[in-house]
Amino acid sequence: MVFRFAKTLDPITLFHAPSSKASQNALKTLQRAATIAESDAAPAGGRGEFQLEVTTAPPTADQLRNILDYVTGNPAGAGAVDRGARYAVGEVVRGARDAEDAIRKFKGDPEGSFARPVTVDWTNGQAVVGDNESEILKMVQQLNEN
């Protein structure tokens, strides 16, 4: 008998605000994508199943630093490719001018300063700010490069 370890699923986190229409839309998009990934209708060569984590809590300071790296195209982010800035820092932390300012504002008011929804693919170093369905789907259905 051969024993195999179960493949760990890529974690995708939605930083969610249930009262926000945009956040509700992002959640619906992710739930549909997760259902498709679990079915036989998943695109060939795509990511397949992923672990969806939905949280109403703000990210930790370390998670925020990673998210800022991902959205600004900083190649220091895990797995991030230098593809240019996709979002301004101020779209992640309201009113922030740069990463240092974002961290400072966030530490002062994590609940009020962090903009939701933000969907994060920790494995591939990507994040989508807002509820742009095509961007979220592109991120979660990406082709495996392994």
C-alpha atoms as a PDB file:
ATOM      1  CA  MET A   1       0.000   0.000   0.000  1.00  0.00           C
ATOM      2  CA  VAL A   2       1.329   3.424  -0.952  1.00  0.00           C
ATOM      3  CA  PHE A   3       0.588   6.371   1.279  1.00  0.00           C
ATOM      4  CA  ARG A   4       0.429   9.830  -0.203  1.00  0.00           C
ATOM      5  CA  PHE A   5       0.268  13.082   1.574  1.00  0.00           C
ATOM      6  CA  ALA A   6      -2.723  15.168   0.651  1.00  0.00           C
ATOM      7  CA  LYS A   7      -1.791  18.114  -1.532  1.00  0.00           C
ATOM      8  CA  THR A   8      -2.101  21.327   0.416  1.00  0.00           C
ATOM      9  CA  LEU A   9      -4.398  23.831  -1.209  1.00  0.00           C
ATOM     10  CA  ASP A  10      -3.248  27.348  -2.053  1.00  0.00           C
ATOM     11  CA  PRO A  11      -4.654  29.761   0.549  1.00  0.00           C
ATOM     12  CA  ILE A  12      -6.713  32.673  -0.772  1.00  0.00           C
ATOM     13  CA  THR A  13      -7.850  35.201   1.835  1.00  0.00           C
ATOM     14  CA  LEU A  14     -10.655  37.706   1.446  1.00  0.00           C
ATOM     15  CA  PHE A  15     -10.439  40.592   3.889  1.00  0.00           C
ATOM     16  CA  HIS A  16     -14.188  41.136   4.020  1.00  0.00           C
ATOM     17  CA  ALA A  17     -16.600  43.833   5.178  1.00  0.00           C
ATOM     18  CA  PRO A  18     -20.057  42.189   5.208  1.00  0.00           C
ATOM     19  CA  SER A  19     -21.841  45.556   5.060  1.00  0.00           C
ATOM     20  CA  SER A  20     -19.999  46.560   1.871  1.00  0.00           C
ATOM     21  CA  LYS A  21     -21.655  45.769  -1.481  1.00  0.00           C
ATOM     22  CA  ALA A  22     -18.210  45.509  -3.129  1.00  0.00           C
ATOM     23  CA  SER A  23     -17.099  43.046  -0.470  1.00  0.00           C
ATOM     24  CA  GLN A  24     -20.271  40.991  -0.914  1.00  0.00           C
ATOM     25  CA  ASN A  25     -19.600  40.902  -4.685  1.00  0.00           C
ATOM     26  CA  ALA A  26     -15.994  39.769  -4.150  1.00  0.00           C
ATOM     27  CA  LEU A  27     -17.173  37.005  -1.810  1.00  0.00           C
ATOM     28  CA  LYS A  28     -19.742  35.759  -4.359  1.00  0.00           C
ATOM     29  CA  THR A  29     -17.091  35.740  -7.093  1.00  0.00           C
ATOM     30  CA  LEU A  30     -14.698  33.736  -4.891  1.00  0.00           C
ATOM     31  CA  GLN A  31     -17.395  31.284  -3.839  1.00  0.00           C
ATOM     32  CA  ARG A  32     -18.351  30.656  -7.493  1.00  0.00           C
ATOM     33  CA  ALA A  33     -14.676  30.199  -8.419  1.00  0.00           C
ATOM     34  CA  ALA A  34     -14.169  27.752  -5.535  1.00  0.00           C
ATOM     35  CA  THR A  35     -17.217  25.732  -6.617  1.00  0.00           C
ATOM     36  CA  ILE A  36     -15.955  25.566 -10.215  1.00  0.00           C
ATOM     37  CA  ALA A  37     -12.454  24.596  -9.040  1.00  0.00           C
ATOM     38  CA  GLU A  38     -13.921  21.685  -7.068  1.00  0.00           C
ATOM     39  CA  SER A  39     -15.931  20.447 -10.049  1.00  0.00           C
ATOM     40  CA  ASP A  40     -14.974  18.796 -13.299  1.00  0.00           C
ATOM     41  CA  ALA A  41     -15.571  22.137 -15.031  1.00  0.00           C
ATOM     42  CA  ALA A  42     -12.257  23.563 -13.778  1.00  0.00           C
ATOM     43  CA  PRO A  43     -10.016  24.788 -16.629  1.00  0.00           C
ATOM     44  CA  ALA A  44      -7.271  22.344 -17.630  1.00  0.00           C
ATOM     45  CA  GLY A  45      -3.902  23.370 -16.253  1.00  0.00           C
ATOM     46  CA  GLY A  46      -5.492  25.888 -13.907  1.00  0.00           C
ATOM     47  CA  ARG A  47      -4.885  26.148 -10.187  1.00  0.00           C
ATOM     48  CA  GLY A  48      -7.706  23.784  -9.292  1.00  0.00           C
ATOM     49  CA  GLU A  49      -9.045  23.817  -5.765  1.00  0.00           C
ATOM     50  CA  PHE A  50      -7.919  26.464  -3.304  1.00  0.00           C
ATOM     51  CA  GLN A  51      -8.538  27.131   0.366  1.00  0.00           C
ATOM     52  CA  LEU A  52     -10.784  30.183   0.747  1.00  0.00           C
ATOM     53  CA  GLU A  53     -10.441  32.025   4.017  1.00  0.00           C
ATOM     54  CA  VAL A  54     -12.857  34.869   4.669  1.00  0.00           C
ATOM     55  CA  THR A  55     -12.047  37.189   7.551  1.00  0.00           C
ATOM     56  CA  THR A  56     -13.557  40.398   8.844  1.00  0.00           C
ATOM     57  CA  ALA A  57     -10.427  41.094  10.893  1.00  0.00           C
ATOM     58  CA  PRO A  58      -7.778  43.409   9.479  1.00  0.00           C
ATOM     59  CA  PRO A  59      -4.493  41.835   8.409  1.00  0.00           C
ATOM     60  CA  THR A  60      -1.546  41.627  10.756  1.00  0.00           C
ATOM     61  CA  ALA A  61       1.209  44.203  10.238  1.00  0.00           C
ATOM     62  CA  ASP A  62       3.329  41.544   8.480  1.00  0.00           C
ATOM     63  CA  GLN A  63       0.427  40.554   6.234  1.00  0.00           C
ATOM     64  CA  LEU A  64      -0.139  44.223   5.385  1.00  0.00           C
ATOM     65  CA  ARG A  65       3.523  44.606   4.384  1.00  0.00           C
ATOM     66  CA  ASN A  66       3.157  41.602   2.063  1.00  0.00           C
ATOM     67  CA  ILE A  67      -0.084  42.938   0.588  1.00  0.00           C
ATOM     68  CA  LEU A  68       1.561  46.303  -0.090  1.00  0.00           C
ATOM     69  CA  ASP A  69       4.448  44.499  -1.819  1.00  0.00           C
ATOM     70  CA  TYR A  70       2.000  42.505  -3.940  1.00  0.00           C
ATOM     71  CA  VAL A  71      -0.170  45.430  -5.055  1.00  0.00           C
ATOM     72  CA  THR A  72       2.718  47.763  -5.837  1.00  0.00           C
ATOM     73  CA  GLY A  73       4.570  45.134  -7.890  1.00  0.00           C
ATOM     74  CA  ASN A  74       7.507  45.051  -5.463  1.00  0.00           C
ATOM     75  CA  PRO A  75       9.612  42.003  -6.423  1.00  0.00           C
ATOM     76  CA  ALA A  76      10.524  41.490  -2.759  1.00  0.00           C
ATOM     77  CA  GLY A  77       7.043  40.014  -2.271  1.00  0.00           C
ATOM     78  CA  ALA A  78       6.972  36.215  -2.171  1.00  0.00           C
ATOM     79  CA  GLY A  79       6.551  35.016  -5.729  1.00  0.00           C
ATOM     80  CA  ALA A  80       5.790  38.507  -6.994  1.00  0.00           C
ATOM     81  CA  VAL A  81       6.914  39.459 -10.447  1.00  0.00           C
ATOM     82  CA  ASP A  82       7.899  43.045 -11.185  1.00  0.00           C
ATOM     83  CA  ARG A  83       4.851  43.913 -13.260  1.00  0.00           C
ATOM     84  CA  GLY A  84       4.507  47.516 -12.234  1.00  0.00           C
ATOM     85  CA  ALA A  85       2.147  48.963  -9.684  1.00  0.00           C
ATOM     86  CA  ARG A  86      -1.384  47.623  -9.951  1.00  0.00           C
ATOM     87  CA  TYR A  87      -2.817  49.735  -7.149  1.00  0.00           C
ATOM     88  CA  ALA A  88      -1.750  52.795  -5.224  1.00  0.00           C
ATOM     89  CA  VAL A  89      -0.837  52.288  -1.562  1.00  0.00           C
ATOM     90  CA  GLY A  90      -3.686  54.669  -0.687  1.00  0.00           C
ATOM     91  CA  GLU A  91      -6.174  52.187  -2.160  1.00  0.00           C
ATOM     92  CA  VAL A  92      -5.138  49.618   0.466  1.00  0.00           C
ATOM     93  CA  VAL A  93      -4.685  51.953   3.444  1.00  0.00           C
ATOM     94  CA  ARG A  94      -6.916  54.995   3.100  1.00  0.00           C
ATOM     95  CA  GLY A  95      -5.002  58.223   2.607  1.00  0.00           C
ATOM     96  CA  ALA A  96      -1.519  56.656   2.713  1.00  0.00           C
ATOM     97  CA  ARG A  97       1.159  58.250   0.535  1.00  0.00           C
ATOM     98  CA  ASP A  98       3.680  55.407   0.638  1.00  0.00           C
ATOM     99  CA  ALA A  99       4.330  52.103   2.408  1.00  0.00           C
ATOM    100  CA  GLU A 100       5.790  53.707   5.556  1.00  0.00           C
ATOM    101  CA  ASP A 101       2.830  56.061   5.830  1.00  0.00           C
ATOM    102  CA  ALA A 102       0.469  53.110   5.288  1.00  0.00           C
ATOM    103  CA  ILE A 103       2.047  51.132   8.134  1.00  0.00           C
ATOM    104  CA  ARG A 104       1.880  54.169  10.428  1.00  0.00           C
ATOM    105  CA  LYS A 105      -1.802  54.881   9.614  1.00  0.00           C
ATOM    106  CA  PHE A 106      -2.668  51.190   9.904  1.00  0.00           C
ATOM    107  CA  LYS A 107      -1.040  50.819  13.335  1.00  0.00           C
ATOM    108  CA  GLY A 108      -3.014  53.861  14.534  1.00  0.00           C
ATOM    109  CA  ASP A 109      -6.375  52.563  13.256  1.00  0.00           C
ATOM    110  CA  PRO A 110      -6.296  49.068  11.711  1.00  0.00           C
ATOM    111  CA  GLU A 111     -10.082  48.778  11.381  1.00  0.00           C
ATOM    112  CA  GLY A 112     -10.725  52.202   9.895  1.00  0.00           C
ATOM    113  CA  SER A 113      -7.679  52.635   7.685  1.00  0.00           C
ATOM    114  CA  PHE A 114      -7.603  49.257   5.886  1.00  0.00           C
ATOM    115  CA  ALA A 115      -9.793  49.288   2.774  1.00  0.00           C
ATOM    116  CA  ARG A 116     -11.912  46.212   2.133  1.00  0.00           C
ATOM    117  CA  PRO A 117     -12.387  44.059   0.145  1.00  0.00           C
ATOM    118  CA  VAL A 118      -8.873  42.836  -0.550  1.00  0.00           C
ATOM    119  CA  THR A 119      -8.367  39.328  -1.960  1.00  0.00           C
ATOM    120  CA  VAL A 120      -4.894  37.852  -1.421  1.00  0.00           C
ATOM    121  CA  ASP A 121      -3.194  34.872  -3.053  1.00  0.00           C
ATOM    122  CA  TRP A 122      -0.406  34.231  -0.539  1.00  0.00           C
ATOM    123  CA  THR A 123       1.215  31.437  -2.564  1.00  0.00           C
ATOM    124  CA  ASN A 124       1.711  33.467  -5.732  1.00  0.00           C
ATOM    125  CA  GLY A 125       2.177  36.901  -4.149  1.00  0.00           C
ATOM    126  CA  GLN A 126      -0.831  38.644  -5.663  1.00  0.00           C
ATOM    127  CA  ALA A 127      -3.680  40.766  -4.388  1.00  0.00           C
ATOM    128  CA  VAL A 128      -6.793  42.363  -5.840  1.00  0.00           C
ATOM    129  CA  VAL A 129      -8.235  45.463  -4.215  1.00  0.00           C
ATOM    130  CA  GLY A 130     -11.982  45.857  -4.654  1.00  0.00           C
ATOM    131  CA  ASP A 131     -14.499  43.623  -6.379  1.00  0.00           C
ATOM    132  CA  ASN A 132     -13.191  43.528  -9.964  1.00  0.00           C
ATOM    133  CA  GLU A 133     -14.550  40.120 -10.954  1.00  0.00           C
ATOM    134  CA  SER A 134     -12.235  39.572 -13.917  1.00  0.00           C
ATOM    135  CA  GLU A 135      -9.129  40.403 -11.852  1.00  0.00           C
ATOM    136  CA  ILE A 136     -10.219  38.120  -9.004  1.00  0.00           C
ATOM    137  CA  LEU A 137     -10.990  35.269 -11.409  1.00  0.00           C
ATOM    138  CA  LYS A 138      -7.705  35.746 -13.263  1.00  0.00           C
ATOM    139  CA  MET A 139      -5.848  35.502  -9.959  1.00  0.00           C
ATOM    140  CA  VAL A 140      -7.649  32.429  -8.576  1.00  0.00           C
ATOM    141  CA  GLN A 141      -7.823  30.509 -11.858  1.00  0.00           C
ATOM    142  CA  GLN A 142      -4.268  31.168 -12.970  1.00  0.00           C
ATOM    143  CA  LEU A 143      -2.359  28.454 -14.763  1.00  0.00           C
ATOM    144  CA  ASN A 144       0.025  26.399 -12.705  1.00  0.00           C
ATOM    145  CA  GLU A 145       3.641  27.153 -13.525  1.00  0.00           C
ATOM    146  CA  ASN A 146       5.032  24.112 -11.692  1.00  0.00           C
END
